[in-house]
């Protein structure tokens, strides 16, 4: 997989319980410019499911979901 340039990282590991990380992602998608690539870091496994579901429903682009040693990295691009 080609490297993707991350424009904004939201570190929600251990600091926010579910659905906090998803709410942080939703807020970032609403506030960032079209074309912004956002990485959400979450220690909540449920976020690895709920974030992609929300992105699909909202018409945004999911780039990848990856487990990285005790946390999840969800990368998305704002497309509209």
C-alpha atoms as a PDB file:
ATOM      1  CA  UNK A   1       0.000   0.000   0.000  1.00  0.00           C
ATOM      2  CA  UNK A   2       1.380   3.386  -0.959  1.00  0.00           C
ATOM      3  CA  UNK A   3       2.096   5.858   1.819  1.00  0.00           C
ATOM      4  CA  UNK A   4      -0.596   8.459   2.351  1.00  0.00           C
ATOM      5  CA  UNK A   5       0.203  11.974   3.520  1.00  0.00           C
ATOM      6  CA  UNK A   6      -1.672  12.567   6.777  1.00  0.00           C
ATOM      7  CA  UNK A   7      -2.811  16.187   7.181  1.00  0.00           C
ATOM      8  CA  UNK A   8      -4.308  15.877  10.673  1.00  0.00           C
ATOM      9  CA  UNK A   9      -3.944  13.272  13.417  1.00  0.00           C
ATOM     10  CA  UNK A  10      -6.463  12.866  16.223  1.00  0.00           C
ATOM     11  CA  UNK A  11      -4.963  10.940  19.130  1.00  0.00           C
ATOM     12  CA  UNK A  12      -7.926   9.551  21.076  1.00  0.00           C
ATOM     13  CA  UNK A  13      -6.036   6.615  22.601  1.00  0.00           C
ATOM     14  CA  UNK A  14      -6.980   5.915  26.227  1.00  0.00           C
ATOM     15  CA  UNK A  15      -8.300   9.428  26.727  1.00  0.00           C
ATOM     16  CA  UNK A  16     -11.836   9.008  25.425  1.00  0.00           C
ATOM     17  CA  UNK A  17     -14.269   6.144  25.901  1.00  0.00           C
ATOM     18  CA  UNK A  18     -16.481   5.018  23.072  1.00  0.00           C
ATOM     19  CA  UNK A  19     -18.083   6.916  21.253  1.00  0.00           C
ATOM     20  CA  UNK A  20     -15.602   9.724  21.989  1.00  0.00           C
ATOM     21  CA  UNK A  21     -13.096   8.851  19.238  1.00  0.00           C
ATOM     22  CA  UNK A  22     -15.888   8.691  16.635  1.00  0.00           C
ATOM     23  CA  UNK A  23     -17.221  12.065  17.788  1.00  0.00           C
ATOM     24  CA  UNK A  24     -13.713  13.518  17.395  1.00  0.00           C
ATOM     25  CA  UNK A  25     -13.535  12.167  13.826  1.00  0.00           C
ATOM     26  CA  UNK A  26     -16.972  13.544  12.960  1.00  0.00           C
ATOM     27  CA  UNK A  27     -15.978  16.958  14.282  1.00  0.00           C
ATOM     28  CA  UNK A  28     -12.738  16.941  12.263  1.00  0.00           C
ATOM     29  CA  UNK A  29     -14.541  15.919   9.056  1.00  0.00           C
ATOM     30  CA  UNK A  30     -17.021  18.768   9.548  1.00  0.00           C
ATOM     31  CA  UNK A  31     -14.333  21.377  10.246  1.00  0.00           C
ATOM     32  CA  UNK A  32     -11.575  20.485   7.773  1.00  0.00           C
ATOM     33  CA  UNK A  33     -11.287  21.417   4.101  1.00  0.00           C
ATOM     34  CA  UNK A  34     -12.242  19.003   1.326  1.00  0.00           C
ATOM     35  CA  UNK A  35      -9.234  16.839   0.488  1.00  0.00           C
ATOM     36  CA  UNK A  36      -7.909  16.722   4.062  1.00  0.00           C
ATOM     37  CA  UNK A  37      -6.611  13.303   5.126  1.00  0.00           C
ATOM     38  CA  UNK A  38      -7.327  12.585   8.788  1.00  0.00           C
ATOM     39  CA  UNK A  39      -5.880   9.813  10.925  1.00  0.00           C
ATOM     40  CA  UNK A  40      -7.803   8.786  14.037  1.00  0.00           C
ATOM     41  CA  UNK A  41      -5.887   6.833  16.678  1.00  0.00           C
ATOM     42  CA  UNK A  42      -8.106   4.939  19.112  1.00  0.00           C
ATOM     43  CA  UNK A  43      -7.571   2.251  21.733  1.00  0.00           C
ATOM     44  CA  UNK A  44     -11.297   1.378  21.431  1.00  0.00           C
ATOM     45  CA  UNK A  45     -11.735  -1.653  19.143  1.00  0.00           C
ATOM     46  CA  UNK A  46     -15.368  -0.630  18.490  1.00  0.00           C
ATOM     47  CA  UNK A  47     -14.068   2.496  16.745  1.00  0.00           C
ATOM     48  CA  UNK A  48     -12.486   0.277  14.071  1.00  0.00           C
ATOM     49  CA  UNK A  49     -16.045  -0.708  13.112  1.00  0.00           C
ATOM     50  CA  UNK A  50     -18.105   2.397  13.913  1.00  0.00           C
ATOM     51  CA  UNK A  51     -15.790   4.906  12.177  1.00  0.00           C
ATOM     52  CA  UNK A  52     -15.808   3.096   8.789  1.00  0.00           C
ATOM     53  CA  UNK A  53     -19.591   2.675   9.045  1.00  0.00           C
ATOM     54  CA  UNK A  54     -20.067   6.384   9.720  1.00  0.00           C
ATOM     55  CA  UNK A  55     -17.649   7.383   6.934  1.00  0.00           C
ATOM     56  CA  UNK A  56     -19.585   5.252   4.437  1.00  0.00           C
ATOM     57  CA  UNK A  57     -22.923   6.670   5.579  1.00  0.00           C
ATOM     58  CA  UNK A  58     -21.560  10.236   5.396  1.00  0.00           C
ATOM     59  CA  UNK A  59     -20.111   9.722   1.902  1.00  0.00           C
ATOM     60  CA  UNK A  60     -16.511  10.188   2.992  1.00  0.00           C
ATOM     61  CA  UNK A  61     -13.544   8.085   1.856  1.00  0.00           C
ATOM     62  CA  UNK A  62     -12.079   5.400   4.107  1.00  0.00           C
ATOM     63  CA  UNK A  63      -8.432   4.911   3.188  1.00  0.00           C
ATOM     64  CA  UNK A  64      -7.468   2.223   5.704  1.00  0.00           C
ATOM     65  CA  UNK A  65      -8.089   0.640   9.093  1.00  0.00           C
ATOM     66  CA  UNK A  66      -5.039  -0.877  10.727  1.00  0.00           C
ATOM     67  CA  UNK A  67      -4.283  -2.373  14.130  1.00  0.00           C
ATOM     68  CA  UNK A  68      -0.957  -1.117  15.482  1.00  0.00           C
ATOM     69  CA  UNK A  69       0.184  -2.709  18.742  1.00  0.00           C
ATOM     70  CA  UNK A  70      -2.714  -2.043  21.080  1.00  0.00           C
ATOM     71  CA  UNK A  71      -4.530   0.683  19.181  1.00  0.00           C
ATOM     72  CA  UNK A  72      -6.285   1.279  15.874  1.00  0.00           C
ATOM     73  CA  UNK A  73      -5.370   3.707  13.103  1.00  0.00           C
ATOM     74  CA  UNK A  74      -8.295   4.785  10.938  1.00  0.00           C
ATOM     75  CA  UNK A  75      -7.360   6.999   7.988  1.00  0.00           C
ATOM     76  CA  UNK A  76     -10.034   8.879   6.066  1.00  0.00           C
ATOM     77  CA  UNK A  77     -10.254  11.635   3.471  1.00  0.00           C
ATOM     78  CA  UNK A  78     -12.876  14.361   3.447  1.00  0.00           C
ATOM     79  CA  UNK A  79     -14.345  14.285  -0.055  1.00  0.00           C
ATOM     80  CA  UNK A  80     -17.424  16.488   0.306  1.00  0.00           C
END
